[in-house]
Amino acid sequence: MPANIEIKARFHNFAALQSRATALSDAPLQVIPQEDTFFHVPKGRLKLRQLAPDFGQLVYYERPDRDGPKRSNYILAPTSEPAALKSALAAALGVRGVVRKTRYLYMSGQTRIHLDDVEGLGQFMELEVVLRAGQTDAEGQAIAEDLMGRLGVRPEDLLEGAYMDILEQK
């Protein structure tokens, strides 16, 4: 199962963080509107990410709920019929909730830097260090911690859980 090391944090100065992410990025910025529908499942998290009317991704992942860098194991399954898949999953499992966001994606080496503007929650930053074959969690964590420092992420800004969890706590 593919894995990454990820962190999630609040931030307060979008322009400053965007400037730092741009300086670290190896590729042009991508702006991606996303709608994530979470479904009730007995373990892990299951969401359907709709990116366009004819494209989405079913994402299953398992990750501990704690702040700081943490390993996330995931499975991605693309779909060309996200609306039909959403209806089937909603009928079978029930909808836990929906997260709508605009994602600003920057790439730095093997790391995806996300600046997310989440409807109803505010602005956040995520790092996803995509682990390569044979790469240890400790190596991924070292990359994440280095980028946290370079982006100005403070330990008190770190969050645990998913946006869905934060919405449910509101």
C-alpha atoms as a PDB file:
ATOM      1  CA  MET A   1       0.000   0.000   0.000  1.00  0.00           C
ATOM      2  CA  PRO A   2       1.460   3.420  -0.881  1.00  0.00           C
ATOM      3  CA  ALA A   3       2.328   5.648   2.076  1.00  0.00           C
ATOM      4  CA  ASN A   4       3.266   9.189   2.905  1.00  0.00           C
ATOM      5  CA  ILE A   5       4.324  11.168   5.939  1.00  0.00           C
ATOM      6  CA  GLU A   6       2.024  14.086   6.469  1.00  0.00           C
ATOM      7  CA  ILE A   7       1.385  17.032   8.692  1.00  0.00           C
ATOM      8  CA  LYS A   8      -1.496  19.467   8.907  1.00  0.00           C
ATOM      9  CA  ALA A   9      -1.246  22.938  10.427  1.00  0.00           C
ATOM     10  CA  ARG A  10      -3.177  26.167  10.767  1.00  0.00           C
ATOM     11  CA  PHE A  11      -1.572  29.286   9.415  1.00  0.00           C
ATOM     12  CA  HIS A  12      -2.397  32.922   9.765  1.00  0.00           C
ATOM     13  CA  ASN A  13      -0.621  34.699   6.919  1.00  0.00           C
ATOM     14  CA  PHE A  14      -1.615  33.179   3.577  1.00  0.00           C
ATOM     15  CA  ALA A  15       0.510  35.572   1.489  1.00  0.00           C
ATOM     16  CA  ALA A  16       3.702  34.865   3.465  1.00  0.00           C
ATOM     17  CA  LEU A  17       3.210  31.095   3.348  1.00  0.00           C
ATOM     18  CA  GLN A  18       2.361  31.241  -0.352  1.00  0.00           C
ATOM     19  CA  SER A  19       5.583  33.163  -1.004  1.00  0.00           C
ATOM     20  CA  ARG A  20       7.666  30.575   0.903  1.00  0.00           C
ATOM     21  CA  ALA A  21       5.931  27.660  -0.859  1.00  0.00           C
ATOM     22  CA  THR A  22       6.514  29.281  -4.263  1.00  0.00           C
ATOM     23  CA  ALA A  23      10.230  29.643  -3.481  1.00  0.00           C
ATOM     24  CA  LEU A  24      10.455  25.937  -2.533  1.00  0.00           C
ATOM     25  CA  SER A  25       8.372  24.640  -5.453  1.00  0.00           C
ATOM     26  CA  ASP A  26       9.854  22.663  -8.364  1.00  0.00           C
ATOM     27  CA  ALA A  27       6.724  23.022 -10.502  1.00  0.00           C
ATOM     28  CA  PRO A  28       4.098  25.638 -11.357  1.00  0.00           C
ATOM     29  CA  LEU A  29       1.319  26.219  -8.845  1.00  0.00           C
ATOM     30  CA  GLN A  30      -1.880  24.236  -9.425  1.00  0.00           C
ATOM     31  CA  VAL A  31      -5.195  25.564  -8.083  1.00  0.00           C
ATOM     32  CA  ILE A  32      -7.625  22.672  -7.579  1.00  0.00           C
ATOM     33  CA  PRO A  33     -11.242  22.992  -6.391  1.00  0.00           C
ATOM     34  CA  GLN A  34     -12.166  19.821  -4.473  1.00  0.00           C
ATOM     35  CA  GLU A  35     -15.264  18.339  -2.917  1.00  0.00           C
ATOM     36  CA  ASP A  36     -14.594  15.426  -0.567  1.00  0.00           C
ATOM     37  CA  THR A  37     -17.554  13.304   0.519  1.00  0.00           C
ATOM     38  CA  PHE A  38     -16.707  11.134   3.521  1.00  0.00           C
ATOM     39  CA  PHE A  39     -18.547   7.860   4.133  1.00  0.00           C
ATOM     40  CA  HIS A  40     -19.112   5.857   7.309  1.00  0.00           C
ATOM     41  CA  VAL A  41     -16.641   2.971   7.506  1.00  0.00           C
ATOM     42  CA  PRO A  42     -15.600   0.660  10.365  1.00  0.00           C
ATOM     43  CA  LYS A  43     -11.902   1.601  10.166  1.00  0.00           C
ATOM     44  CA  GLY A  44      -9.786   4.242   8.506  1.00  0.00           C
ATOM     45  CA  ARG A  45     -11.393   6.902   6.321  1.00  0.00           C
ATOM     46  CA  LEU A  46     -13.108   6.630   2.957  1.00  0.00           C
ATOM     47  CA  LYS A  47     -13.801   9.658   0.808  1.00  0.00           C
ATOM     48  CA  LEU A  48     -14.778  10.375  -2.761  1.00  0.00           C
ATOM     49  CA  ARG A  49     -12.871  13.377  -4.077  1.00  0.00           C
ATOM     50  CA  GLN A  50     -14.698  15.028  -6.953  1.00  0.00           C
ATOM     51  CA  LEU A  51     -12.361  17.099  -9.118  1.00  0.00           C
ATOM     52  CA  ALA A  52     -14.587  17.532 -12.196  1.00  0.00           C
ATOM     53  CA  PRO A  53     -17.988  16.240 -13.353  1.00  0.00           C
ATOM     54  CA  ASP A  54     -16.228  13.380 -15.147  1.00  0.00           C
ATOM     55  CA  PHE A  55     -13.271  12.767 -12.824  1.00  0.00           C
ATOM     56  CA  GLY A  56     -12.853  11.823  -9.208  1.00  0.00           C
ATOM     57  CA  GLN A  57     -10.847   9.618  -6.881  1.00  0.00           C
ATOM     58  CA  LEU A  58     -12.041   7.198  -4.269  1.00  0.00           C
ATOM     59  CA  VAL A  59      -9.511   7.463  -1.441  1.00  0.00           C
ATOM     60  CA  TYR A  60      -9.185   5.031   1.445  1.00  0.00           C
ATOM     61  CA  TYR A  61      -6.597   5.855   4.084  1.00  0.00           C
ATOM     62  CA  GLU A  62      -5.457   4.911   7.552  1.00  0.00           C
ATOM     63  CA  ARG A  63      -3.575   7.436   9.674  1.00  0.00           C
ATOM     64  CA  PRO A  64      -3.208   8.003  13.416  1.00  0.00           C
ATOM     65  CA  ASP A  65      -4.940  11.081  14.824  1.00  0.00           C
ATOM     66  CA  ARG A  66      -2.072  12.990  16.393  1.00  0.00           C
ATOM     67  CA  ASP A  67      -0.301  16.217  15.591  1.00  0.00           C
ATOM     68  CA  GLY A  68       3.110  16.337  13.955  1.00  0.00           C
ATOM     69  CA  PRO A  69       4.449  14.143  11.151  1.00  0.00           C
ATOM     70  CA  LYS A  70       2.586  10.839  10.855  1.00  0.00           C
ATOM     71  CA  ARG A  71       2.423   7.951   8.402  1.00  0.00           C
ATOM     72  CA  SER A  72      -0.650   7.616   6.215  1.00  0.00           C
ATOM     73  CA  ASN A  73      -1.270   4.433   4.196  1.00  0.00           C
ATOM     74  CA  TYR A  74      -3.645   4.967   1.297  1.00  0.00           C
ATOM     75  CA  ILE A  75      -5.306   3.495  -1.777  1.00  0.00           C
ATOM     76  CA  LEU A  76      -6.457   5.674  -4.699  1.00  0.00           C
ATOM     77  CA  ALA A  77      -9.021   4.492  -7.238  1.00  0.00           C
ATOM     78  CA  PRO A  78      -9.816   6.912 -10.085  1.00  0.00           C
ATOM     79  CA  THR A  79     -13.338   7.147 -11.486  1.00  0.00           C
ATOM     80  CA  SER A  80     -14.858   8.782 -14.552  1.00  0.00           C
ATOM     81  CA  GLU A  81     -18.326   8.655 -12.933  1.00  0.00           C
ATOM     82  CA  PRO A  82     -17.985  10.301  -9.517  1.00  0.00           C
ATOM     83  CA  ALA A  83     -21.696  11.200  -9.205  1.00  0.00           C
ATOM     84  CA  ALA A  84     -22.835   7.603  -9.756  1.00  0.00           C
ATOM     85  CA  LEU A  85     -20.178   6.251  -7.399  1.00  0.00           C
ATOM     86  CA  LYS A  86     -21.160   8.808  -4.759  1.00  0.00           C
ATOM     87  CA  SER A  87     -24.813   7.725  -4.991  1.00  0.00           C
ATOM     88  CA  ALA A  88     -23.895   4.056  -4.619  1.00  0.00           C
ATOM     89  CA  LEU A  89     -21.585   4.640  -1.666  1.00  0.00           C
ATOM     90  CA  ALA A  90     -24.084   6.957   0.039  1.00  0.00           C
ATOM     91  CA  ALA A  91     -26.803   4.317  -0.264  1.00  0.00           C
ATOM     92  CA  ALA A  92     -24.544   1.520   0.991  1.00  0.00           C
ATOM     93  CA  LEU A  93     -22.536   3.270   3.719  1.00  0.00           C
ATOM     94  CA  GLY A  94     -24.173   6.597   4.528  1.00  0.00           C
ATOM     95  CA  VAL A  95     -22.551  10.014   4.198  1.00  0.00           C
ATOM     96  CA  ARG A  96     -20.521  11.229   7.163  1.00  0.00           C
ATOM     97  CA  GLY A  97     -20.091  14.720   5.722  1.00  0.00           C
ATOM     98  CA  VAL A  98     -18.728  16.859   2.904  1.00  0.00           C
ATOM     99  CA  VAL A  99     -15.592  19.035   2.833  1.00  0.00           C
ATOM    100  CA  ARG A 100     -15.269  21.680   0.117  1.00  0.00           C
ATOM    101  CA  LYS A 101     -11.971  23.407  -0.435  1.00  0.00           C
ATOM    102  CA  THR A 102      -9.713  25.177  -2.861  1.00  0.00           C
ATOM    103  CA  ARG A 103      -6.279  23.579  -2.835  1.00  0.00           C
ATOM    104  CA  TYR A 104      -3.138  25.427  -3.866  1.00  0.00           C
ATOM    105  CA  LEU A 105      -0.664  22.676  -4.759  1.00  0.00           C
ATOM    106  CA  TYR A 106       3.102  23.185  -4.806  1.00  0.00           C
ATOM    107  CA  MET A 107       5.644  20.396  -5.394  1.00  0.00           C
ATOM    108  CA  SER A 108       9.014  20.314  -3.637  1.00  0.00           C
ATOM    109  CA  GLY A 109      10.952  17.167  -4.477  1.00  0.00           C
ATOM    110  CA  GLN A 110       8.847  14.228  -3.294  1.00  0.00           C
ATOM    111  CA  THR A 111       6.630  16.473  -1.160  1.00  0.00           C
ATOM    112  CA  ARG A 112       3.230  17.895  -1.969  1.00  0.00           C
ATOM    113  CA  ILE A 113       2.724  21.248  -0.234  1.00  0.00           C
ATOM    114  CA  HIS A 114      -0.988  22.038   0.052  1.00  0.00           C
ATOM    115  CA  LEU A 115      -2.347  25.422   1.044  1.00  0.00           C
ATOM    116  CA  ASP A 116      -6.042  24.743   1.579  1.00  0.00           C
ATOM    117  CA  ASP A 117      -8.887  27.235   1.880  1.00  0.00           C
ATOM    118  CA  VAL A 118     -11.578  25.071   3.497  1.00  0.00           C
ATOM    119  CA  GLU A 119     -15.213  26.188   3.423  1.00  0.00           C
ATOM    120  CA  GLY A 120     -16.465  26.811   6.948  1.00  0.00           C
ATOM    121  CA  LEU A 121     -13.056  26.235   8.592  1.00  0.00           C
ATOM    122  CA  GLY A 122     -10.455  28.644   7.220  1.00  0.00           C
ATOM    123  CA  GLN A 123      -6.974  28.199   5.847  1.00  0.00           C
ATOM    124  CA  PHE A 124      -4.576  25.322   6.472  1.00  0.00           C
ATOM    125  CA  MET A 125      -1.320  23.894   5.244  1.00  0.00           C
ATOM    126  CA  GLU A 126      -0.560  20.225   4.646  1.00  0.00           C
ATOM    127  CA  LEU A 127       2.672  18.507   3.753  1.00  0.00           C
ATOM    128  CA  GLU A 128       2.593  15.052   2.166  1.00  0.00           C
ATOM    129  CA  VAL A 129       6.024  13.468   1.792  1.00  0.00           C
ATOM    130  CA  VAL A 130       5.334  10.585  -0.620  1.00  0.00           C
ATOM    131  CA  LEU A 131       7.569   7.752   0.537  1.00  0.00           C
ATOM    132  CA  ARG A 132       9.669   6.031  -2.108  1.00  0.00           C
ATOM    133  CA  ALA A 133      10.206   2.270  -2.177  1.00  0.00           C
ATOM    134  CA  GLY A 134      12.527   1.340   0.679  1.00  0.00           C
ATOM    135  CA  GLN A 135      12.374   4.783   2.277  1.00  0.00           C
ATOM    136  CA  THR A 136      11.790   4.745   6.036  1.00  0.00           C
ATOM    137  CA  ASP A 137       9.242   6.731   8.006  1.00  0.00           C
ATOM    138  CA  ALA A 138      12.159   8.451   9.776  1.00  0.00           C
ATOM    139  CA  GLU A 139      13.541   9.670   6.437  1.00  0.00           C
ATOM    140  CA  GLY A 140      10.110  11.011   5.464  1.00  0.00           C
ATOM    141  CA  GLN A 141       9.706  12.675   8.849  1.00  0.00           C
ATOM    142  CA  ALA A 142      13.093  14.376   8.489  1.00  0.00           C
ATOM    143  CA  ILE A 143      11.991  15.814   5.119  1.00  0.00           C
ATOM    144  CA  ALA A 144       8.672  16.988   6.619  1.00  0.00           C
ATOM    145  CA  GLU A 145      10.373  18.602   9.623  1.00  0.00           C
ATOM    146  CA  ASP A 146      12.896  20.388   7.376  1.00  0.00           C
ATOM    147  CA  LEU A 147      10.098  21.795   5.218  1.00  0.00           C
ATOM    148  CA  MET A 148       8.100  22.795   8.306  1.00  0.00           C
ATOM    149  CA  GLY A 149      11.064  24.899   9.409  1.00  0.00           C
ATOM    150  CA  ARG A 150      11.585  26.419   5.970  1.00  0.00           C
ATOM    151  CA  LEU A 151       7.862  27.273   5.716  1.00  0.00           C
ATOM    152  CA  GLY A 152       7.746  28.771   9.208  1.00  0.00           C
ATOM    153  CA  VAL A 153       5.328  26.210  10.675  1.00  0.00           C
ATOM    154  CA  ARG A 154       5.388  26.344  14.475  1.00  0.00           C
ATOM    155  CA  PRO A 155       4.734  23.290  16.690  1.00  0.00           C
ATOM    156  CA  GLU A 156       1.691  25.028  18.236  1.00  0.00           C
ATOM    157  CA  ASP A 157       0.131  25.326  14.741  1.00  0.00           C
ATOM    158  CA  LEU A 158       0.078  21.535  14.160  1.00  0.00           C
ATOM    159  CA  LEU A 159      -3.273  19.740  14.011  1.00  0.00           C
ATOM    160  CA  GLU A 160      -4.431  16.166  14.183  1.00  0.00           C
ATOM    161  CA  GLY A 161      -7.212  14.477  12.243  1.00  0.00           C
ATOM    162  CA  ALA A 162      -8.884  15.322   8.961  1.00  0.00           C
ATOM    163  CA  TYR A 163     -10.862  18.405   7.942  1.00  0.00           C
ATOM    164  CA  MET A 164     -13.975  16.246   8.335  1.00  0.00           C
ATOM    165  CA  ASP A 165     -13.094  15.672  12.010  1.00  0.00           C
ATOM    166  CA  ILE A 166     -12.600  19.404  12.572  1.00  0.00           C
ATOM    167  CA  LEU A 167     -15.958  20.195  10.920  1.00  0.00           C
ATOM    168  CA  GLU A 168     -17.703  17.651  13.133  1.00  0.00           C
ATOM    169  CA  GLN A 169     -16.187  19.251  16.247  1.00  0.00           C
ATOM    170  CA  LYS A 170     -17.587  22.706  15.338  1.00  0.00           C
END
